[in-house]
Amino acid sequence: MARRKVLELVELNPSFLVSLPFSAAALLWQDGAGILRRIWSYISYPLPFFNDRVSVGRVVIGIAVLLLTLSLSGRFSSLLDRRLAKRGHIDPGLRYTIARLVRYLFVIVGVLIALKQFSIDLTSIAVLFTALSVGIGFGLQYIAADIVSGFILLFERPIRVGDRITIGEDEGDVQSINLRTTLVMTNDRIAIIVPNSKLVSQRLINWSYGDPRARISIPISVSTKSDIDLVTQTLLLAAEDVENVLTDPPPKVQFLSFGGYSLDFRLLVWTRQPNRHPQIKSDINYRIEKLFRERGIEIPYPTQEVHFRGPQPPIETDAQNSPAQAKGSDENAHPFSPRERDRL
């Protein structure tokens, strides 16, 4: 039945077949436009827990800006670091500082743009932080100190990425300087996470700061009977041809003091690889032990001497020297006769 009606329409109006596609397209366009308008009304609908200017679409855009900022900041920072690495005259620590600061700037700009999408007034945020400053000062003072110290490390650069540092009993290479903490890797490949405030406020040793050369001190004690000239020559010989030990300045021996049971010396050597100083000390100590054994130089150890005395002769009293006197004195002490004493 429907087919017959279509054929009748075609016979009465031959142009019906030509106008049919356009009519269908117009209907689809009207339906599509209605769908788009419906979607746009949903997107622009104001959210009840924000003000009237914040809609679902602005929230989606704000979240997208945040995610895009976090993704692009890391990629742009890595790209900048690789570009700067191609310039050999730029220090690696300075290159890291520039890349890190650019990343922080990128993130701050992205966060500000995202806050604008949420129609958040920055003045109100400033007032809020002012009101919370007392609580932050007491509750988060250590975290705030670590963050401020992180920027101090990046700008002042007392330590840089790749430096060899010693802080307390820990020693290692600086791997990264983050916003709140610094990562230090030891020779045992143990990661030490140090708060930035500790690196700023406490005393530390930076083996790589300034002059790349570093002096290594190796103390040694010998027996008091040793020849000091022979000891000096042996120590200088032990420092020759050791890997990573410089010949200029040359090794040097110092006679420090006369110990209670030893003569105390110190061998001083220079190196351009301060991060290798434990291995350098080990290599030199091996040679010192071998050369001391060959040349008969003794390494002392504490000794104690114990003296034993023989038994003393008994002390003679006056009574023992004059028994007659002792007997007379005994009689004088008892004036009674023997018979009277028996009665008593």
C-alpha atoms as a PDB file:
ATOM      1  CA  MET A   1       0.000   0.000   0.000  1.00  0.00           C
ATOM      2  CA  ALA A   2       2.748   2.471   0.922  1.00  0.00           C
ATOM      3  CA  ARG A   3       4.678   1.534  -2.224  1.00  0.00           C
ATOM      4  CA  ARG A   4       1.627   2.279  -4.366  1.00  0.00           C
ATOM      5  CA  LYS A   5       1.227   5.725  -2.768  1.00  0.00           C
ATOM      6  CA  VAL A   6       4.892   6.554  -3.396  1.00  0.00           C
ATOM      7  CA  LEU A   7       4.505   5.550  -7.079  1.00  0.00           C
ATOM      8  CA  GLU A   8       1.412   7.722  -7.402  1.00  0.00           C
ATOM      9  CA  LEU A   9       3.291  10.708  -5.939  1.00  0.00           C
ATOM     10  CA  VAL A  10       6.137  10.158  -8.391  1.00  0.00           C
ATOM     11  CA  GLU A  11       3.698  10.015 -11.349  1.00  0.00           C
ATOM     12  CA  LEU A  12       1.912  13.192 -10.245  1.00  0.00           C
ATOM     13  CA  ASN A  13       5.144  15.121  -9.318  1.00  0.00           C
ATOM     14  CA  PRO A  14       8.312  13.826 -11.040  1.00  0.00           C
ATOM     15  CA  SER A  15      10.487  16.356  -9.146  1.00  0.00           C
ATOM     16  CA  PHE A  16       9.621  14.603  -5.905  1.00  0.00           C
ATOM     17  CA  LEU A  17      12.647  12.288  -6.199  1.00  0.00           C
ATOM     18  CA  VAL A  18      14.966  15.266  -6.655  1.00  0.00           C
ATOM     19  CA  SER A  19      13.636  17.212  -3.640  1.00  0.00           C
ATOM     20  CA  LEU A  20      13.496  14.174  -1.367  1.00  0.00           C
ATOM     21  CA  PRO A  21      17.226  14.183  -0.312  1.00  0.00           C
ATOM     22  CA  PHE A  22      17.145  17.902   0.413  1.00  0.00           C
ATOM     23  CA  SER A  23      13.996  17.525   2.479  1.00  0.00           C
ATOM     24  CA  ALA A  24      15.581  14.737   4.483  1.00  0.00           C
ATOM     25  CA  ALA A  25      18.713  16.820   5.034  1.00  0.00           C
ATOM     26  CA  ALA A  26      16.622  19.775   6.214  1.00  0.00           C
ATOM     27  CA  LEU A  27      14.791  17.573   8.683  1.00  0.00           C
ATOM     28  CA  LEU A  28      18.063  16.132   9.988  1.00  0.00           C
ATOM     29  CA  TRP A  29      19.533  19.618  10.313  1.00  0.00           C
ATOM     30  CA  GLN A  30      16.530  20.802  12.278  1.00  0.00           C
ATOM     31  CA  ASP A  31      16.782  17.779  14.559  1.00  0.00           C
ATOM     32  CA  GLY A  32      20.572  18.216  14.915  1.00  0.00           C
ATOM     33  CA  ALA A  33      20.233  21.891  15.711  1.00  0.00           C
ATOM     34  CA  GLY A  34      17.671  21.026  18.356  1.00  0.00           C
ATOM     35  CA  ILE A  35      20.020  18.457  19.861  1.00  0.00           C
ATOM     36  CA  LEU A  36      22.901  20.936  19.895  1.00  0.00           C
ATOM     37  CA  ARG A  37      20.730  23.592  21.515  1.00  0.00           C
ATOM     38  CA  ARG A  38      19.670  21.087  24.133  1.00  0.00           C
ATOM     39  CA  ILE A  39      23.305  20.106  24.836  1.00  0.00           C
ATOM     40  CA  TRP A  40      24.330  23.763  25.047  1.00  0.00           C
ATOM     41  CA  SER A  41      21.542  24.483  27.507  1.00  0.00           C
ATOM     42  CA  TYR A  42      22.820  21.671  29.709  1.00  0.00           C
ATOM     43  CA  ILE A  43      26.387  22.909  29.468  1.00  0.00           C
ATOM     44  CA  SER A  44      25.516  26.533  30.237  1.00  0.00           C
ATOM     45  CA  TYR A  45      23.212  25.610  33.108  1.00  0.00           C
ATOM     46  CA  PRO A  46      24.472  27.388  36.262  1.00  0.00           C
ATOM     47  CA  LEU A  47      25.532  25.148  39.111  1.00  0.00           C
ATOM     48  CA  PRO A  48      23.659  25.680  42.380  1.00  0.00           C
ATOM     49  CA  PHE A  49      26.713  25.515  44.666  1.00  0.00           C
ATOM     50  CA  PHE A  50      28.578  28.210  42.665  1.00  0.00           C
ATOM     51  CA  ASN A  51      27.464  31.688  41.678  1.00  0.00           C
ATOM     52  CA  ASP A  52      25.337  32.292  38.581  1.00  0.00           C
ATOM     53  CA  ARG A  53      28.367  32.768  36.335  1.00  0.00           C
ATOM     54  CA  VAL A  54      29.727  29.247  36.849  1.00  0.00           C
ATOM     55  CA  SER A  55      28.239  26.557  34.636  1.00  0.00           C
ATOM     56  CA  VAL A  56      29.001  22.942  33.848  1.00  0.00           C
ATOM     57  CA  GLY A  57      30.907  24.005  30.745  1.00  0.00           C
ATOM     58  CA  ARG A  58      33.167  26.408  32.673  1.00  0.00           C
ATOM     59  CA  VAL A  59      33.899  23.713  35.245  1.00  0.00           C
ATOM     60  CA  VAL A  60      34.820  21.255  32.488  1.00  0.00           C
ATOM     61  CA  ILE A  61      37.040  23.873  30.841  1.00  0.00           C
ATOM     62  CA  GLY A  62      38.728  24.672  34.165  1.00  0.00           C
ATOM     63  CA  ILE A  63      39.492  21.027  34.876  1.00  0.00           C
ATOM     64  CA  ALA A  64      40.759  20.558  31.312  1.00  0.00           C
ATOM     65  CA  VAL A  65      43.033  23.595  31.694  1.00  0.00           C
ATOM     66  CA  LEU A  66      44.488  22.175  34.917  1.00  0.00           C
ATOM     67  CA  LEU A  67      45.161  18.757  33.403  1.00  0.00           C
ATOM     68  CA  LEU A  68      46.603  20.291  30.244  1.00  0.00           C
ATOM     69  CA  THR A  69      48.817  22.604  32.304  1.00  0.00           C
ATOM     70  CA  LEU A  70      50.230  19.764  34.405  1.00  0.00           C
ATOM     71  CA  SER A  71      50.914  17.689  31.296  1.00  0.00           C
ATOM     72  CA  LEU A  72      52.446  20.454  29.185  1.00  0.00           C
ATOM     73  CA  SER A  73      54.535  21.909  32.023  1.00  0.00           C
ATOM     74  CA  GLY A  74      56.485  18.665  32.452  1.00  0.00           C
ATOM     75  CA  ARG A  75      56.953  18.184  28.697  1.00  0.00           C
ATOM     76  CA  PHE A  76      57.974  21.802  28.114  1.00  0.00           C
ATOM     77  CA  SER A  77      60.421  21.669  31.046  1.00  0.00           C
ATOM     78  CA  SER A  78      62.015  18.469  29.687  1.00  0.00           C
ATOM     79  CA  LEU A  79      62.231  19.966  26.193  1.00  0.00           C
ATOM     80  CA  LEU A  80      63.881  23.115  27.539  1.00  0.00           C
ATOM     81  CA  ASP A  81      66.349  21.030  29.570  1.00  0.00           C
ATOM     82  CA  ARG A  82      67.331  19.036  26.471  1.00  0.00           C
ATOM     83  CA  ARG A  83      67.787  22.195  24.435  1.00  0.00           C
ATOM     84  CA  LEU A  84      69.972  23.751  27.111  1.00  0.00           C
ATOM     85  CA  ALA A  85      71.976  20.524  27.412  1.00  0.00           C
ATOM     86  CA  LYS A  86      73.198  21.029  23.849  1.00  0.00           C
ATOM     87  CA  ARG A  87      74.964  24.205  24.987  1.00  0.00           C
ATOM     88  CA  GLY A  88      78.118  22.941  26.618  1.00  0.00           C
ATOM     89  CA  HIS A  89      78.940  26.204  28.414  1.00  0.00           C
ATOM     90  CA  ILE A  90      75.790  26.034  30.571  1.00  0.00           C
ATOM     91  CA  ASP A  91      76.323  24.380  33.936  1.00  0.00           C
ATOM     92  CA  PRO A  92      74.062  21.331  34.563  1.00  0.00           C
ATOM     93  CA  GLY A  93      72.916  22.793  37.874  1.00  0.00           C
ATOM     94  CA  LEU A  94      71.963  26.088  36.225  1.00  0.00           C
ATOM     95  CA  ARG A  95      70.170  24.182  33.470  1.00  0.00           C
ATOM     96  CA  TYR A  96      68.135  22.282  36.047  1.00  0.00           C
ATOM     97  CA  THR A  97      67.285  25.507  37.897  1.00  0.00           C
ATOM     98  CA  ILE A  98      66.031  27.235  34.747  1.00  0.00           C
ATOM     99  CA  ALA A  99      63.899  24.258  33.692  1.00  0.00           C
ATOM    100  CA  ARG A 100      62.418  23.893  37.173  1.00  0.00           C
ATOM    101  CA  LEU A 101      61.539  27.591  37.489  1.00  0.00           C
ATOM    102  CA  VAL A 102      59.920  27.621  34.036  1.00  0.00           C
ATOM    103  CA  ARG A 103      57.823  24.627  35.054  1.00  0.00           C
ATOM    104  CA  TYR A 104      56.661  26.332  38.249  1.00  0.00           C
ATOM    105  CA  LEU A 105      55.785  29.497  36.274  1.00  0.00           C
ATOM    106  CA  PHE A 106      53.843  27.435  33.738  1.00  0.00           C
ATOM    107  CA  VAL A 107      51.837  25.750  36.504  1.00  0.00           C
ATOM    108  CA  ILE A 108      51.069  29.047  38.269  1.00  0.00           C
ATOM    109  CA  VAL A 109      49.733  30.629  35.051  1.00  0.00           C
ATOM    110  CA  GLY A 110      47.599  27.556  34.341  1.00  0.00           C
ATOM    111  CA  VAL A 111      46.147  27.542  37.853  1.00  0.00           C
ATOM    112  CA  LEU A 112      45.234  31.240  37.569  1.00  0.00           C
ATOM    113  CA  ILE A 113      43.467  30.617  34.241  1.00  0.00           C
ATOM    114  CA  ALA A 114      41.571  27.672  35.763  1.00  0.00           C
ATOM    115  CA  LEU A 115      40.483  29.776  38.739  1.00  0.00           C
ATOM    116  CA  LYS A 116      39.128  32.380  36.328  1.00  0.00           C
ATOM    117  CA  GLN A 117      36.923  29.696  34.770  1.00  0.00           C
ATOM    118  CA  PHE A 118      35.480  29.030  38.208  1.00  0.00           C
ATOM    119  CA  SER A 119      34.835  32.783  38.590  1.00  0.00           C
ATOM    120  CA  ILE A 120      36.811  32.815  41.825  1.00  0.00           C
ATOM    121  CA  ASP A 121      37.879  36.286  42.889  1.00  0.00           C
ATOM    122  CA  LEU A 122      41.600  36.347  43.618  1.00  0.00           C
ATOM    123  CA  THR A 123      41.059  39.145  46.117  1.00  0.00           C
ATOM    124  CA  SER A 124      38.889  36.873  48.246  1.00  0.00           C
ATOM    125  CA  ILE A 125      41.588  34.207  48.103  1.00  0.00           C
ATOM    126  CA  ALA A 126      44.139  36.733  49.347  1.00  0.00           C
ATOM    127  CA  VAL A 127      41.841  37.689  52.215  1.00  0.00           C
ATOM    128  CA  LEU A 128      41.319  34.015  53.054  1.00  0.00           C
ATOM    129  CA  PHE A 129      45.048  33.335  53.157  1.00  0.00           C
ATOM    130  CA  THR A 130      45.526  36.400  55.328  1.00  0.00           C
ATOM    131  CA  ALA A 131      42.933  35.103  57.782  1.00  0.00           C
ATOM    132  CA  LEU A 132      44.589  31.680  57.815  1.00  0.00           C
ATOM    133  CA  SER A 133      48.118  33.047  58.101  1.00  0.00           C
ATOM    134  CA  VAL A 134      48.204  32.573  61.873  1.00  0.00           C
ATOM    135  CA  GLY A 135      47.097  28.954  61.625  1.00  0.00           C
ATOM    136  CA  ILE A 136      49.503  28.309  58.773  1.00  0.00           C
ATOM    137  CA  GLY A 137      52.293  29.932  60.744  1.00  0.00           C
ATOM    138  CA  PHE A 138      51.832  27.524  63.652  1.00  0.00           C
ATOM    139  CA  GLY A 139      50.542  24.360  62.012  1.00  0.00           C
ATOM    140  CA  LEU A 140      52.368  24.378  58.678  1.00  0.00           C
ATOM    141  CA  GLN A 141      55.467  26.341  59.569  1.00  0.00           C
ATOM    142  CA  TYR A 142      57.811  23.457  58.756  1.00  0.00           C
ATOM    143  CA  ILE A 143      56.208  22.812  55.370  1.00  0.00           C
ATOM    144  CA  ALA A 144      56.267  26.527  54.565  1.00  0.00           C
ATOM    145  CA  ALA A 145      59.935  26.689  55.617  1.00  0.00           C
ATOM    146  CA  ASP A 146      60.757  23.738  53.330  1.00  0.00           C
ATOM    147  CA  ILE A 147      59.013  25.388  50.356  1.00  0.00           C
ATOM    148  CA  VAL A 148      60.759  28.733  50.895  1.00  0.00           C
ATOM    149  CA  SER A 149      64.082  26.917  51.335  1.00  0.00           C
ATOM    150  CA  GLY A 150      63.459  25.131  48.022  1.00  0.00           C
ATOM    151  CA  PHE A 151      63.301  28.470  46.210  1.00  0.00           C
ATOM    152  CA  ILE A 152      66.418  29.628  48.080  1.00  0.00           C
ATOM    153  CA  LEU A 153      68.290  26.548  46.861  1.00  0.00           C
ATOM    154  CA  LEU A 154      67.152  27.170  43.281  1.00  0.00           C
ATOM    155  CA  PHE A 155      68.082  30.873  43.236  1.00  0.00           C
ATOM    156  CA  GLU A 156      71.133  31.002  45.522  1.00  0.00           C
ATOM    157  CA  ARG A 157      72.385  27.563  44.416  1.00  0.00           C
ATOM    158  CA  PRO A 158      74.589  26.559  47.374  1.00  0.00           C
ATOM    159  CA  ILE A 159      74.069  23.022  46.121  1.00  0.00           C
ATOM    160  CA  ARG A 160      73.290  21.922  42.563  1.00  0.00           C
ATOM    161  CA  VAL A 161      72.131  18.772  40.884  1.00  0.00           C
ATOM    162  CA  GLY A 162      75.107  16.442  40.564  1.00  0.00           C
ATOM    163  CA  ASP A 163      77.017  17.871  43.554  1.00  0.00           C
ATOM    164  CA  ARG A 164      78.573  15.577  46.123  1.00  0.00           C
ATOM    165  CA  ILE A 165      77.463  16.610  49.620  1.00  0.00           C
ATOM    166  CA  THR A 166      77.858  15.385  53.179  1.00  0.00           C
ATOM    167  CA  ILE A 167      75.189  16.292  55.719  1.00  0.00           C
ATOM    168  CA  GLY A 168      75.556  14.765  59.150  1.00  0.00           C
ATOM    169  CA  GLU A 169      76.560  11.124  58.682  1.00  0.00           C
ATOM    170  CA  ASP A 170      74.993  10.876  55.210  1.00  0.00           C
ATOM    171  CA  GLU A 171      76.916  11.426  51.982  1.00  0.00           C
ATOM    172  CA  GLY A 172      75.770  11.192  48.370  1.00  0.00           C
ATOM    173  CA  ASP A 173      75.058  12.896  45.046  1.00  0.00           C
ATOM    174  CA  VAL A 174      72.206  15.377  44.637  1.00  0.00           C
ATOM    175  CA  GLN A 175      69.696  13.881  42.199  1.00  0.00           C
ATOM    176  CA  SER A 176      66.902  16.472  42.262  1.00  0.00           C
ATOM    177  CA  ILE A 177      65.824  19.604  44.137  1.00  0.00           C
ATOM    178  CA  ASN A 178      62.048  19.576  44.476  1.00  0.00           C
ATOM    179  CA  LEU A 179      59.629  22.089  45.931  1.00  0.00           C
ATOM    180  CA  ARG A 180      59.838  20.725  49.495  1.00  0.00           C
ATOM    181  CA  THR A 181      62.570  18.069  49.579  1.00  0.00           C
ATOM    182  CA  THR A 182      65.887  17.191  47.948  1.00  0.00           C
ATOM    183  CA  LEU A 183      66.788  13.689  46.802  1.00  0.00           C
ATOM    184  CA  VAL A 184      70.331  12.483  47.616  1.00  0.00           C
ATOM    185  CA  MET A 185      71.640   9.149  46.302  1.00  0.00           C
ATOM    186  CA  THR A 186      74.423   7.388  48.245  1.00  0.00           C
ATOM    187  CA  ASN A 187      77.121   5.085  46.879  1.00  0.00           C
ATOM    188  CA  ASP A 188      74.994   2.135  48.027  1.00  0.00           C
ATOM    189  CA  ARG A 189      72.177   3.418  45.772  1.00  0.00           C
ATOM    190  CA  ILE A 190      70.079   4.324  48.791  1.00  0.00           C
ATOM    191  CA  ALA A 191      67.820   7.344  48.265  1.00  0.00           C
ATOM    192  CA  ILE A 192      67.874   9.883  51.109  1.00  0.00           C
ATOM    193  CA  ILE A 193      65.030  12.427  51.126  1.00  0.00           C
ATOM    194  CA  VAL A 194      66.240  15.573  52.916  1.00  0.00           C
ATOM    195  CA  PRO A 195      63.921  18.508  53.778  1.00  0.00           C
ATOM    196  CA  ASN A 196      65.084  21.683  52.048  1.00  0.00           C
ATOM    197  CA  SER A 197      65.078  23.659  55.309  1.00  0.00           C
ATOM    198  CA  LYS A 198      67.707  21.286  56.703  1.00  0.00           C
ATOM    199  CA  LEU A 199      70.018  22.008  53.761  1.00  0.00           C
ATOM    200  CA  VAL A 200      69.622  25.764  54.260  1.00  0.00           C
ATOM    201  CA  SER A 201      69.848  26.001  58.053  1.00  0.00           C
ATOM    202  CA  GLN A 202      72.369  23.290  58.927  1.00  0.00           C
ATOM    203  CA  ARG A 203      76.045  22.874  58.200  1.00  0.00           C
ATOM    204  CA  LEU A 204      76.878  20.679  55.209  1.00  0.00           C
ATOM    205  CA  ILE A 205      79.938  19.859  53.097  1.00  0.00           C
ATOM    206  CA  ASN A 206      79.685  20.399  49.341  1.00  0.00           C
ATOM    207  CA  TRP A 207      82.591  18.542  47.768  1.00  0.00           C
ATOM    208  CA  SER A 208      81.817  19.957  44.319  1.00  0.00           C
ATOM    209  CA  TYR A 209      81.373  23.647  45.200  1.00  0.00           C
ATOM    210  CA  GLY A 210      83.814  26.186  43.788  1.00  0.00           C
ATOM    211  CA  ASP A 211      87.186  24.609  42.953  1.00  0.00           C
ATOM    212  CA  PRO A 212      86.625  21.106  41.530  1.00  0.00           C
ATOM    213  CA  ARG A 213      89.749  19.914  43.327  1.00  0.00           C
ATOM    214  CA  ALA A 214      89.416  18.521  46.831  1.00  0.00           C
ATOM    215  CA  ARG A 215      92.044  17.507  49.387  1.00  0.00           C
ATOM    216  CA  ILE A 216      91.791  14.142  51.101  1.00  0.00           C
ATOM    217  CA  SER A 217      93.414  13.565  54.490  1.00  0.00           C
ATOM    218  CA  ILE A 218      94.561  10.072  55.520  1.00  0.00           C
ATOM    219  CA  PRO A 219      95.751   9.828  59.171  1.00  0.00           C
ATOM    220  CA  ILE A 220      98.277   7.160  60.124  1.00  0.00           C
ATOM    221  CA  SER A 221     100.118   6.314  63.363  1.00  0.00           C
ATOM    222  CA  VAL A 222     103.394   4.388  63.700  1.00  0.00           C
ATOM    223  CA  SER A 223     105.457   3.014  66.534  1.00  0.00           C
ATOM    224  CA  THR A 224     107.594   5.410  68.572  1.00  0.00           C
ATOM    225  CA  LYS A 225     110.659   3.402  67.526  1.00  0.00           C
ATOM    226  CA  SER A 226     110.074   4.072  63.795  1.00  0.00           C
ATOM    227  CA  ASP A 227     112.380   6.192  61.626  1.00  0.00           C
ATOM    228  CA  ILE A 228     110.357   9.297  60.718  1.00  0.00           C
ATOM    229  CA  ASP A 229     112.264   9.855  57.467  1.00  0.00           C
ATOM    230  CA  LEU A 230     111.533   6.307  56.343  1.00  0.00           C
ATOM    231  CA  VAL A 231     107.868   6.750  57.303  1.00  0.00           C
ATOM    232  CA  THR A 232     107.634   9.977  55.264  1.00  0.00           C
ATOM    233  CA  GLN A 233     109.197   8.393  52.170  1.00  0.00           C
ATOM    234  CA  THR A 234     106.948   5.340  52.457  1.00  0.00           C
ATOM    235  CA  LEU A 235     103.769   7.418  52.699  1.00  0.00           C
ATOM    236  CA  LEU A 236     104.725   9.517  49.652  1.00  0.00           C
ATOM    237  CA  LEU A 237     105.482   6.324  47.732  1.00  0.00           C
ATOM    238  CA  ALA A 238     102.082   4.898  48.672  1.00  0.00           C
ATOM    239  CA  ALA A 239     100.372   7.919  47.063  1.00  0.00           C
ATOM    240  CA  GLU A 240     102.157   7.531  43.709  1.00  0.00           C
ATOM    241  CA  ASP A 241     100.288   6.230  40.639  1.00  0.00           C
ATOM    242  CA  VAL A 242      96.987   5.936  42.477  1.00  0.00           C
ATOM    243  CA  GLU A 243      93.934   6.446  40.291  1.00  0.00           C
ATOM    244  CA  ASN A 244      92.265   9.893  40.571  1.00  0.00           C
ATOM    245  CA  VAL A 245      95.136  11.304  42.686  1.00  0.00           C
ATOM    246  CA  LEU A 246      96.665  14.496  41.247  1.00  0.00           C
ATOM    247  CA  THR A 247     100.383  15.096  40.916  1.00  0.00           C
ATOM    248  CA  ASP A 248      99.881  18.870  41.011  1.00  0.00           C
ATOM    249  CA  PRO A 249      99.579  19.782  43.838  1.00  0.00           C
ATOM    250  CA  PRO A 250     101.772  16.870  44.896  1.00  0.00           C
ATOM    251  CA  PRO A 251     101.041  14.615  47.898  1.00  0.00           C
ATOM    252  CA  LYS A 252     102.338  15.857  51.213  1.00  0.00           C
ATOM    253  CA  VAL A 253     103.098  14.308  54.619  1.00  0.00           C
ATOM    254  CA  GLN A 254     102.647  16.136  57.927  1.00  0.00           C
ATOM    255  CA  PHE A 255     104.017  15.067  61.326  1.00  0.00           C
ATOM    256  CA  LEU A 256     101.102  15.913  63.617  1.00  0.00           C
ATOM    257  CA  SER A 257     102.063  14.980  67.183  1.00  0.00           C
ATOM    258  CA  PHE A 258     103.691  12.618  69.655  1.00  0.00           C
ATOM    259  CA  GLY A 259     100.954  10.341  70.905  1.00  0.00           C
ATOM    260  CA  GLY A 260     100.866   8.421  74.144  1.00  0.00           C
ATOM    261  CA  TYR A 261     102.173   5.292  72.395  1.00  0.00           C
ATOM    262  CA  SER A 262     102.596   6.401  68.751  1.00  0.00           C
ATOM    263  CA  LEU A 263     103.896   8.990  66.302  1.00  0.00           C
ATOM    264  CA  ASP A 264     100.968  10.559  64.436  1.00  0.00           C
ATOM    265  CA  PHE A 265     101.272  11.490  60.736  1.00  0.00           C
ATOM    266  CA  ARG A 266      98.866  12.652  58.035  1.00  0.00           C
ATOM    267  CA  LEU A 267      99.059  12.029  54.281  1.00  0.00           C
ATOM    268  CA  LEU A 268      97.429  14.740  52.120  1.00  0.00           C
ATOM    269  CA  VAL A 269      96.478  14.073  48.492  1.00  0.00           C
ATOM    270  CA  TRP A 270      94.425  16.052  45.925  1.00  0.00           C
ATOM    271  CA  THR A 271      91.780  14.828  43.511  1.00  0.00           C
ATOM    272  CA  ARG A 272      89.305  16.160  40.951  1.00  0.00           C
ATOM    273  CA  GLN A 273      86.852  13.400  41.781  1.00  0.00           C
ATOM    274  CA  PRO A 274      85.724  14.223  45.340  1.00  0.00           C
ATOM    275  CA  ASN A 275      82.812  11.821  45.052  1.00  0.00           C
ATOM    276  CA  ARG A 276      85.392   9.019  44.782  1.00  0.00           C
ATOM    277  CA  HIS A 277      87.222   9.869  48.001  1.00  0.00           C
ATOM    278  CA  PRO A 278      86.167   6.677  49.874  1.00  0.00           C
ATOM    279  CA  GLN A 279      87.671   4.524  47.119  1.00  0.00           C
ATOM    280  CA  ILE A 280      90.799   6.711  46.929  1.00  0.00           C
ATOM    281  CA  LYS A 281      91.360   6.311  50.669  1.00  0.00           C
ATOM    282  CA  SER A 282      90.902   2.560  50.365  1.00  0.00           C
ATOM    283  CA  ASP A 283      93.437   2.258  47.526  1.00  0.00           C
ATOM    284  CA  ILE A 284      96.050   4.274  49.412  1.00  0.00           C
ATOM    285  CA  ASN A 285      95.497   2.341  52.652  1.00  0.00           C
ATOM    286  CA  TYR A 286      96.094  -0.935  50.806  1.00  0.00           C
ATOM    287  CA  ARG A 287      99.429   0.377  49.542  1.00  0.00           C
ATOM    288  CA  ILE A 288     100.412   1.756  52.952  1.00  0.00           C
ATOM    289  CA  GLU A 289      99.836  -1.597  54.644  1.00  0.00           C
ATOM    290  CA  LYS A 290     101.845  -3.436  51.999  1.00  0.00           C
ATOM    291  CA  LEU A 291     104.783  -1.001  52.086  1.00  0.00           C
ATOM    292  CA  PHE A 292     104.851  -0.870  55.899  1.00  0.00           C
ATOM    293  CA  ARG A 293     105.018  -4.653  56.042  1.00  0.00           C
ATOM    294  CA  GLU A 294     107.867  -4.735  53.495  1.00  0.00           C
ATOM    295  CA  ARG A 295     109.891  -2.055  55.310  1.00  0.00           C
ATOM    296  CA  GLY A 296     109.288  -3.252  58.858  1.00  0.00           C
ATOM    297  CA  ILE A 297     107.334  -0.212  60.025  1.00  0.00           C
ATOM    298  CA  GLU A 298     105.074  -1.129  62.898  1.00  0.00           C
ATOM    299  CA  ILE A 299     101.600   0.240  63.515  1.00  0.00           C
ATOM    300  CA  PRO A 300     101.242   0.596  67.316  1.00  0.00           C
ATOM    301  CA  TYR A 301      98.457  -0.484  69.588  1.00  0.00           C
ATOM    302  CA  PRO A 302      97.758   0.439  73.205  1.00  0.00           C
ATOM    303  CA  THR A 303      99.764  -1.569  75.794  1.00  0.00           C
ATOM    304  CA  GLN A 304      99.727  -1.726  79.586  1.00  0.00           C
ATOM    305  CA  GLU A 305     102.540  -2.812  81.913  1.00  0.00           C
ATOM    306  CA  VAL A 306     101.697  -4.549  85.198  1.00  0.00           C
ATOM    307  CA  HIS A 307     104.432  -4.838  87.896  1.00  0.00           C
ATOM    308  CA  PHE A 308     104.165  -7.463  90.701  1.00  0.00           C
ATOM    309  CA  ARG A 309     106.099  -7.048  93.960  1.00  0.00           C
ATOM    310  CA  GLY A 310     107.275  -9.897  96.257  1.00  0.00           C
ATOM    311  CA  PRO A 311     105.967 -10.435  99.894  1.00  0.00           C
ATOM    312  CA  GLN A 312     107.274  -7.899 102.474  1.00  0.00           C
ATOM    313  CA  PRO A 313     109.206  -9.160 105.622  1.00  0.00           C
ATOM    314  CA  PRO A 314     107.193  -8.942 108.903  1.00  0.00           C
ATOM    315  CA  ILE A 315     107.700  -5.843 110.987  1.00  0.00           C
ATOM    316  CA  GLU A 316     109.369  -6.641 114.361  1.00  0.00           C
ATOM    317  CA  THR A 317     107.836  -5.029 117.438  1.00  0.00           C
ATOM    318  CA  ASP A 318     109.664  -3.915 120.588  1.00  0.00           C
ATOM    319  CA  ALA A 319     108.126  -6.771 122.563  1.00  0.00           C
ATOM    320  CA  GLN A 320     109.651  -9.281 120.188  1.00  0.00           C
ATOM    321  CA  ASN A 321     113.084  -7.622 120.448  1.00  0.00           C
ATOM    322  CA  SER A 322     113.159  -7.681 124.347  1.00  0.00           C
ATOM    323  CA  PRO A 323     111.150 -10.601 125.732  1.00  0.00           C
ATOM    324  CA  ALA A 324     112.541 -10.042 129.255  1.00  0.00           C
ATOM    325  CA  GLN A 325     111.254  -6.490 129.256  1.00  0.00           C
ATOM    326  CA  ALA A 326     107.910  -7.731 128.064  1.00  0.00           C
ATOM    327  CA  LYS A 327     107.828 -10.261 130.899  1.00  0.00           C
ATOM    328  CA  GLY A 328     108.714  -7.629 133.499  1.00  0.00           C
ATOM    329  CA  SER A 329     106.085  -5.329 132.256  1.00  0.00           C
ATOM    330  CA  ASP A 330     103.584  -8.138 132.480  1.00  0.00           C
ATOM    331  CA  GLU A 331     104.474  -8.727 136.115  1.00  0.00           C
ATOM    332  CA  ASN A 332     104.188  -5.027 136.868  1.00  0.00           C
ATOM    333  CA  ALA A 333     100.772  -5.059 135.366  1.00  0.00           C
ATOM    334  CA  HIS A 334      99.678  -7.653 138.024  1.00  0.00           C
ATOM    335  CA  PRO A 335     101.090  -6.698 141.532  1.00  0.00           C
ATOM    336  CA  PHE A 336      99.537  -9.754 143.288  1.00  0.00           C
ATOM    337  CA  SER A 337     101.506 -12.903 144.173  1.00  0.00           C
ATOM    338  CA  PRO A 338     100.763 -16.177 142.355  1.00  0.00           C
ATOM    339  CA  ARG A 339      98.913 -17.584 145.408  1.00  0.00           C
ATOM    340  CA  GLU A 340      96.775 -14.433 145.669  1.00  0.00           C
ATOM    341  CA  ARG A 341      96.012 -14.550 142.021  1.00  0.00           C
ATOM    342  CA  ASP A 342      94.886 -18.176 142.403  1.00  0.00           C
ATOM    343  CA  ARG A 343      92.501 -17.151 145.171  1.00  0.00           C
ATOM    344  CA  LEU A 344      91.055 -14.444 143.044  1.00  0.00           C
END
